[in-house]
PDB file of all heavy atoms in Angstrom:
ATOM      1  N   THR A   1     145.385  24.483 191.424  1.00  0.00           N
ATOM      2  CA  THR A   1     145.938  24.671 192.829  1.00  0.00           C
ATOM      3  C   THR A   1     145.177  25.781 193.537  1.00  0.00           C
ATOM      4  O   THR A   1     145.576  26.111 194.669  1.00  0.00           O
ATOM      5  CB  THR A   1     147.420  25.100 192.760  1.00  0.00           C
ATOM      6  OG1 THR A   1     147.529  26.261 191.949  1.00  0.00           O
ATOM      7  CG2 THR A   1     148.270  23.986 192.091  1.00  0.00           C
ATOM      8  N   VAL A   2     144.156  26.323 193.009  1.00  0.00           N
ATOM      9  CA  VAL A   2     143.384  27.341 193.727  1.00  0.00           C
ATOM     10  C   VAL A   2     142.762  26.691 194.953  1.00  0.00           C
ATOM     11  O   VAL A   2     142.022  25.608 194.841  1.00  0.00           O
ATOM     12  CB  VAL A   2     142.242  27.910 192.853  1.00  0.00           C
ATOM     13  CG1 VAL A   2     141.392  28.903 193.662  1.00  0.00           C
ATOM     14  CG2 VAL A   2     142.847  28.614 191.606  1.00  0.00           C
ATOM     15  N   PRO A   3     142.921  27.192 196.141  1.00  0.00           N
ATOM     16  CA  PRO A   3     142.394  26.591 197.377  1.00  0.00           C
ATOM     17  C   PRO A   3     140.897  26.378 197.296  1.00  0.00           C
ATOM     18  O   PRO A   3     140.178  27.177 196.703  1.00  0.00           O
ATOM     19  CB  PRO A   3     142.786  27.579 198.483  1.00  0.00           C
ATOM     20  CG  PRO A   3     144.017  28.211 197.900  1.00  0.00           C
ATOM     21  CD  PRO A   3     143.796  28.311 196.489  1.00  0.00           C
ATOM     22  N   ALA A   4     140.440  25.317 197.917  1.00  0.00           N
ATOM     23  CA  ALA A   4     139.029  24.894 197.829  1.00  0.00           C
ATOM     24  C   ALA A   4     138.078  25.939 198.232  1.00  0.00           C
ATOM     25  O   ALA A   4     136.974  25.961 197.664  1.00  0.00           O
ATOM     26  CB  ALA A   4     138.863  23.637 198.670  1.00  0.00           C
ATOM     27  N   VAL A   5     138.410  26.750 199.224  1.00  0.00           N
ATOM     28  CA  VAL A   5     137.456  27.707 199.743  1.00  0.00           C
ATOM     29  C   VAL A   5     137.544  29.122 199.129  1.00  0.00           C
ATOM     30  O   VAL A   5     136.816  30.016 199.560  1.00  0.00           O
ATOM     31  CB  VAL A   5     137.649  27.828 201.338  1.00  0.00           C
ATOM     32  CG1 VAL A   5     137.352  26.531 202.011  1.00  0.00           C
ATOM     33  CG2 VAL A   5     139.054  28.335 201.639  1.00  0.00           C
ATOM     34  N   TYR A   6     138.395  29.259 198.112  1.00  0.00           N
ATOM     35  CA  TYR A   6     138.533  30.613 197.515  1.00  0.00           C
ATOM     36  C   TYR A   6     137.401  30.881 196.515  1.00  0.00           C
ATOM     37  O   TYR A   6     136.951  29.943 195.764  1.00  0.00           O
ATOM     38  CB  TYR A   6     139.864  30.734 196.790  1.00  0.00           C
ATOM     39  CG  TYR A   6     141.047  30.932 197.702  1.00  0.00           C
ATOM     40  CD1 TYR A   6     141.074  30.672 199.071  1.00  0.00           C
ATOM     41  CD2 TYR A   6     142.255  31.469 197.160  1.00  0.00           C
ATOM     42  CE1 TYR A   6     142.123  30.880 199.832  1.00  0.00           C
ATOM     43  CE2 TYR A   6     143.329  31.696 197.962  1.00  0.00           C
ATOM     44  CZ  TYR A   6     143.321  31.389 199.354  1.00  0.00           C
ATOM     45  OH  TYR A   6     144.397  31.586 200.131  1.00  0.00           O
ATOM     46  N   ALA A   7     136.999  32.150 196.418  1.00  0.00           N
ATOM     47  CA  ALA A   7     136.004  32.475 195.415  1.00  0.00           C
ATOM     48  C   ALA A   7     136.563  32.281 194.018  1.00  0.00           C
ATOM     49  O   ALA A   7     135.708  32.010 193.100  1.00  0.00           O
ATOM     50  CB  ALA A   7     135.616  33.979 195.614  1.00  0.00           C
ATOM     51  N   GLU A   8     137.883  32.380 193.869  1.00  0.00           N
ATOM     52  CA  GLU A   8     138.465  32.140 192.535  1.00  0.00           C
ATOM     53  C   GLU A   8     138.090  30.687 191.985  1.00  0.00           C
ATOM     54  O   GLU A   8     137.937  30.483 190.794  1.00  0.00           O
ATOM     55  CB  GLU A   8     139.912  32.296 192.586  1.00  0.00           C
ATOM     56  CG  GLU A   8     140.691  32.188 191.254  1.00  0.00           C
ATOM     57  CD  GLU A   8     142.136  32.226 191.376  1.00  0.00           C
ATOM     58  OE1 GLU A   8     142.656  32.470 192.506  1.00  0.00           O
ATOM     59  OE2 GLU A   8     142.830  32.213 190.318  1.00  0.00           O
ATOM     60  N   LYS A   9     137.991  29.747 192.916  1.00  0.00           N
ATOM     61  CA  LYS A   9     137.648  28.411 192.516  1.00  0.00           C
ATOM     62  C   LYS A   9     136.222  28.363 191.957  1.00  0.00           C
ATOM     63  O   LYS A   9     135.929  27.709 190.944  1.00  0.00           O
ATOM     64  CB  LYS A   9     137.716  27.427 193.684  1.00  0.00           C
ATOM     65  CG  LYS A   9     137.407  26.005 193.365  1.00  0.00           C
ATOM     66  CD  LYS A   9     138.345  25.346 192.369  1.00  0.00           C
ATOM     67  CE  LYS A   9     139.598  24.922 193.023  1.00  0.00           C
ATOM     68  NZ  LYS A   9     140.516  24.168 192.051  1.00  0.00           N
ATOM     69  N   GLU A  10     135.319  29.188 192.491  1.00  0.00           N
ATOM     70  CA  GLU A  10     133.940  29.261 192.035  1.00  0.00           C
ATOM     71  C   GLU A  10     133.908  29.919 190.561  1.00  0.00           C
ATOM     72  O   GLU A  10     133.200  29.520 189.722  1.00  0.00           O
ATOM     73  CB  GLU A  10     133.040  30.041 192.994  1.00  0.00           C
ATOM     74  CG  GLU A  10     132.921  29.323 194.302  1.00  0.00           C
ATOM     75  CD  GLU A  10     131.853  29.928 195.153  1.00  0.00           C
ATOM     76  OE1 GLU A  10     130.801  30.412 194.617  1.00  0.00           O
ATOM     77  OE2 GLU A  10     131.955  29.894 196.390  1.00  0.00           O
ATOM     78  N   ARG A  11     134.813  30.933 190.401  1.00  0.00           N
ATOM     79  CA  ARG A  11     134.842  31.596 189.136  1.00  0.00           C
ATOM     80  C   ARG A  11     135.392  30.605 188.052  1.00  0.00           C
ATOM     81  O   ARG A  11     134.860  30.546 186.897  1.00  0.00           O
ATOM     82  CB  ARG A  11     135.710  32.787 189.149  1.00  0.00           C
ATOM     83  CG  ARG A  11     135.237  33.887 190.098  1.00  0.00           C
ATOM     84  CD  ARG A  11     135.917  35.238 189.889  1.00  0.00           C
ATOM     85  NE  ARG A  11     137.287  35.211 190.138  1.00  0.00           N
ATOM     86  CZ  ARG A  11     137.863  35.549 191.359  1.00  0.00           C
ATOM     87  NH1 ARG A  11     137.004  35.768 192.330  1.00  0.00           N
ATOM     88  NH2 ARG A  11     139.130  35.476 191.592  1.00  0.00           N
ATOM     89  N   PHE A  12     136.336  29.714 188.409  1.00  0.00           N
ATOM     90  CA  PHE A  12     136.734  28.765 187.492  1.00  0.00           C
ATOM     91  C   PHE A  12     135.736  27.679 187.186  1.00  0.00           C
ATOM     92  O   PHE A  12     135.614  27.171 186.022  1.00  0.00           O
ATOM     93  CB  PHE A  12     138.023  28.035 188.058  1.00  0.00           C
ATOM     94  CG  PHE A  12     139.321  28.650 187.624  1.00  0.00           C
ATOM     95  CD1 PHE A  12     140.178  29.178 188.573  1.00  0.00           C
ATOM     96  CD2 PHE A  12     139.690  28.645 186.284  1.00  0.00           C
ATOM     97  CE1 PHE A  12     141.412  29.742 188.239  1.00  0.00           C
ATOM     98  CE2 PHE A  12     140.914  29.221 185.895  1.00  0.00           C
ATOM     99  CZ  PHE A  12     141.700  29.795 186.878  1.00  0.00           C
ATOM    100  N   ALA A  13     134.831  27.418 188.215  1.00  0.00           N
ATOM    101  CA  ALA A  13     133.726  26.488 187.954  1.00  0.00           C
ATOM    102  C   ALA A  13     132.767  27.047 186.911  1.00  0.00           C
ATOM    103  O   ALA A  13     132.365  26.341 185.965  1.00  0.00           O
ATOM    104  CB  ALA A  13     132.968  26.249 189.269  1.00  0.00           C
ATOM    105  N   THR A  14     132.463  28.338 186.968  1.00  0.00           N
ATOM    106  CA  THR A  14     131.593  28.924 185.996  1.00  0.00           C
ATOM    107  C   THR A  14     132.214  28.908 184.608  1.00  0.00           C
ATOM    108  O   THR A  14     131.626  28.584 183.590  1.00  0.00           O
ATOM    109  CB  THR A  14     131.251  30.354 186.347  1.00  0.00           C
ATOM    110  OG1 THR A  14     130.740  30.363 187.736  1.00  0.00           O
ATOM    111  CG2 THR A  14     130.169  30.977 185.461  1.00  0.00           C
ATOM    112  N   GLN A  15     133.539  29.262 184.545  1.00  0.00           N
ATOM    113  CA  GLN A  15     134.246  29.236 183.298  1.00  0.00           C
ATOM    114  C   GLN A  15     134.277  27.869 182.672  1.00  0.00           C
ATOM    115  O   GLN A  15     134.216  27.656 181.490  1.00  0.00           O
ATOM    116  CB  GLN A  15     135.654  29.838 183.476  1.00  0.00           C
ATOM    117  CG  GLN A  15     135.708  31.277 183.891  1.00  0.00           C
ATOM    118  CD  GLN A  15     137.021  31.718 184.414  1.00  0.00           C
ATOM    119  OE1 GLN A  15     138.042  31.108 184.174  1.00  0.00           O
ATOM    120  NE2 GLN A  15     137.066  32.782 185.182  1.00  0.00           N
ATOM    121  N   THR A  16     134.461  26.865 183.551  1.00  0.00           N
ATOM    122  CA  THR A  16     134.495  25.476 183.107  1.00  0.00           C
ATOM    123  C   THR A  16     133.168  25.088 182.495  1.00  0.00           C
ATOM    124  O   THR A  16     133.160  24.401 181.437  1.00  0.00           O
ATOM    125  CB  THR A  16     134.871  24.512 184.293  1.00  0.00           C
ATOM    126  OG1 THR A  16     136.123  24.849 184.799  1.00  0.00           O
ATOM    127  CG2 THR A  16     134.840  23.093 183.849  1.00  0.00           C
ATOM    128  N   GLY A  17     132.078  25.460 183.095  1.00  0.00           N
ATOM    129  CA  GLY A  17     130.753  25.207 182.552  1.00  0.00           C
ATOM    130  C   GLY A  17     130.576  25.835 181.174  1.00  0.00           C
ATOM    131  O   GLY A  17     130.011  25.235 180.275  1.00  0.00           O
ATOM    132  N   ARG A  18     131.049  27.058 181.017  1.00  0.00           N
ATOM    133  CA  ARG A  18     130.968  27.721 179.683  1.00  0.00           C
ATOM    134  C   ARG A  18     131.804  26.956 178.661  1.00  0.00           C
ATOM    135  O   ARG A  18     131.400  26.778 177.502  1.00  0.00           O
ATOM    136  CB  ARG A  18     131.416  29.115 179.813  1.00  0.00           C
ATOM    137  CG  ARG A  18     130.570  30.082 180.599  1.00  0.00           C
ATOM    138  CD  ARG A  18     131.100  31.504 180.564  1.00  0.00           C
ATOM    139  NE  ARG A  18     130.500  32.343 181.558  1.00  0.00           N
ATOM    140  CZ  ARG A  18     131.253  33.119 182.397  1.00  0.00           C
ATOM    141  NH1 ARG A  18     132.500  33.094 182.336  1.00  0.00           N
ATOM    142  NH2 ARG A  18     130.588  33.868 183.290  1.00  0.00           N
ATOM    143  N   ARG A  19     133.047  26.639 179.049  1.00  0.00           N
ATOM    144  CA  ARG A  19     134.004  26.045 178.141  1.00  0.00           C
ATOM    145  C   ARG A  19     133.538  24.683 177.651  1.00  0.00           C
ATOM    146  O   ARG A  19     133.783  24.327 176.467  1.00  0.00           O
ATOM    147  CB  ARG A  19     135.339  25.968 178.725  1.00  0.00           C
ATOM    148  CG  ARG A  19     136.431  25.436 177.818  1.00  0.00           C
ATOM    149  CD  ARG A  19     136.557  26.317 176.566  1.00  0.00           C
ATOM    150  NE  ARG A  19     137.534  25.665 175.623  1.00  0.00           N
ATOM    151  CZ  ARG A  19     137.509  25.750 174.259  1.00  0.00           C
ATOM    152  NH1 ARG A  19     136.535  26.500 173.702  1.00  0.00           N
ATOM    153  NH2 ARG A  19     138.424  25.168 173.560  1.00  0.00           N
ATOM    154  N   ILE A  20     132.864  23.862 178.459  1.00  0.00           N
ATOM    155  CA  ILE A  20     132.508  22.505 177.980  1.00  0.00           C
ATOM    156  C   ILE A  20     131.511  22.632 176.810  1.00  0.00           C
ATOM    157  O   ILE A  20     131.553  21.816 175.890  1.00  0.00           O
ATOM    158  CB  ILE A  20     131.950  21.655 179.072  1.00  0.00           C
ATOM    159  CG1 ILE A  20     131.731  20.167 178.627  1.00  0.00           C
ATOM    160  CG2 ILE A  20     130.653  22.233 179.685  1.00  0.00           C
ATOM    161  CD1 ILE A  20     132.903  19.494 178.118  1.00  0.00           C
ATOM    162  N   VAL A  21     130.620  23.573 176.839  1.00  0.00           N
ATOM    163  CA  VAL A  21     129.671  23.756 175.804  1.00  0.00           C
ATOM    164  C   VAL A  21     130.399  24.062 174.501  1.00  0.00           C
ATOM    165  O   VAL A  21     130.141  23.506 173.374  1.00  0.00           O
ATOM    166  CB  VAL A  21     128.698  24.845 176.071  1.00  0.00           C
ATOM    167  CG1 VAL A  21     127.665  25.026 174.909  1.00  0.00           C
ATOM    168  CG2 VAL A  21     127.848  24.542 177.325  1.00  0.00           C
ATOM    169  N   GLU A  22     131.473  24.897 174.539  1.00  0.00           N
ATOM    170  CA  GLU A  22     132.247  25.201 173.345  1.00  0.00           C
ATOM    171  C   GLU A  22     133.017  23.981 172.858  1.00  0.00           C
ATOM    172  O   GLU A  22     133.138  23.683 171.641  1.00  0.00           O
ATOM    173  CB  GLU A  22     133.268  26.362 173.730  1.00  0.00           C
ATOM    174  CG  GLU A  22     132.599  27.655 174.035  1.00  0.00           C
ATOM    175  CD  GLU A  22     133.582  28.741 174.587  1.00  0.00           C
ATOM    176  OE1 GLU A  22     134.757  28.309 174.794  1.00  0.00           O
ATOM    177  OE2 GLU A  22     133.151  29.832 174.785  1.00  0.00           O
ATOM    178  N   LEU A  23     133.560  23.185 173.832  1.00  0.00           N
ATOM    179  CA  LEU A  23     134.311  21.930 173.425  1.00  0.00           C
ATOM    180  C   LEU A  23     133.366  20.970 172.671  1.00  0.00           C
ATOM    181  O   LEU A  23     133.771  20.305 171.760  1.00  0.00           O
ATOM    182  CB  LEU A  23     134.873  21.301 174.641  1.00  0.00           C
ATOM    183  CG  LEU A  23     136.134  22.034 175.265  1.00  0.00           C
ATOM    184  CD1 LEU A  23     136.410  21.410 176.649  1.00  0.00           C
ATOM    185  CD2 LEU A  23     137.292  21.857 174.290  1.00  0.00           C
ATOM    186  N   VAL A  24     132.102  20.858 173.180  1.00  0.00           N
ATOM    187  CA  VAL A  24     131.155  19.980 172.527  1.00  0.00           C
ATOM    188  C   VAL A  24     130.932  20.467 171.097  1.00  0.00           C
ATOM    189  O   VAL A  24     130.860  19.609 170.160  1.00  0.00           O
ATOM    190  CB  VAL A  24     129.871  19.969 173.335  1.00  0.00           C
ATOM    191  CG1 VAL A  24     128.785  19.279 172.526  1.00  0.00           C
ATOM    192  CG2 VAL A  24     130.098  19.127 174.672  1.00  0.00           C
ATOM    193  N   LYS A  25     130.717  21.753 170.945  1.00  0.00           N
ATOM    194  CA  LYS A  25     130.450  22.259 169.566  1.00  0.00           C
ATOM    195  C   LYS A  25     131.687  22.096 168.683  1.00  0.00           C
ATOM    196  O   LYS A  25     131.575  21.957 167.506  1.00  0.00           O
ATOM    197  CB  LYS A  25     130.052  23.695 169.709  1.00  0.00           C
ATOM    198  CG  LYS A  25     128.653  23.915 170.285  1.00  0.00           C
ATOM    199  CD  LYS A  25     128.293  25.365 170.473  1.00  0.00           C
ATOM    200  CE  LYS A  25     126.911  25.552 171.063  1.00  0.00           C
ATOM    201  NZ  LYS A  25     126.535  26.943 171.233  1.00  0.00           N
ATOM    202  N   GLU A  26     132.900  22.169 169.299  1.00  0.00           N
ATOM    203  CA  GLU A  26     134.138  22.034 168.525  1.00  0.00           C
ATOM    204  C   GLU A  26     134.491  20.520 168.291  1.00  0.00           C
ATOM    205  O   GLU A  26     135.294  20.196 167.443  1.00  0.00           O
ATOM    206  CB  GLU A  26     135.308  22.689 169.257  1.00  0.00           C
ATOM    207  CG  GLU A  26     135.166  24.135 169.383  1.00  0.00           C
ATOM    208  CD  GLU A  26     136.136  24.787 170.378  1.00  0.00           C
ATOM    209  OE1 GLU A  26     136.973  24.013 170.896  1.00  0.00           O
ATOM    210  OE2 GLU A  26     136.053  25.964 170.682  1.00  0.00           O
ATOM    211  N   GLY A  27     133.852  19.623 169.078  1.00  0.00           N
ATOM    212  CA  GLY A  27     134.096  18.185 168.875  1.00  0.00           C
ATOM    213  C   GLY A  27     135.417  17.736 169.474  1.00  0.00           C
ATOM    214  O   GLY A  27     135.918  16.715 168.984  1.00  0.00           O
ATOM    215  N   VAL A  28     135.974  18.432 170.404  1.00  0.00           N
ATOM    216  CA  VAL A  28     137.302  18.109 170.990  1.00  0.00           C
ATOM    217  C   VAL A  28     137.085  17.069 172.110  1.00  0.00           C
ATOM    218  O   VAL A  28     136.475  17.382 173.142  1.00  0.00           O
ATOM    219  CB  VAL A  28     138.016  19.335 171.454  1.00  0.00           C
ATOM    220  CG1 VAL A  28     139.344  18.970 172.122  1.00  0.00           C
ATOM    221  CG2 VAL A  28     138.211  20.310 170.387  1.00  0.00           C
ATOM    222  N   LYS A  29     137.618  15.899 171.952  1.00  0.00           N
ATOM    223  CA  LYS A  29     137.460  14.826 172.899  1.00  0.00           C
ATOM    224  C   LYS A  29     138.849  14.519 173.596  1.00  0.00           C
ATOM    225  O   LYS A  29     139.852  14.950 173.159  1.00  0.00           O
ATOM    226  CB  LYS A  29     137.026  13.537 172.219  1.00  0.00           C
ATOM    227  CG  LYS A  29     135.612  13.688 171.482  1.00  0.00           C
ATOM    228  CD  LYS A  29     135.266  12.442 170.758  1.00  0.00           C
ATOM    229  CE  LYS A  29     133.962  12.523 170.048  1.00  0.00           C
ATOM    230  NZ  LYS A  29     133.571  11.297 169.364  1.00  0.00           N
TER     231      LYS A  29
END
């Protein structure tokens, strides 16, 4: 629900990029 134009949305984007690498290594589908 973070508004599209908020900087918080960009921070979540970076965190999402980090987390997917961890999910791949963990094998969570």
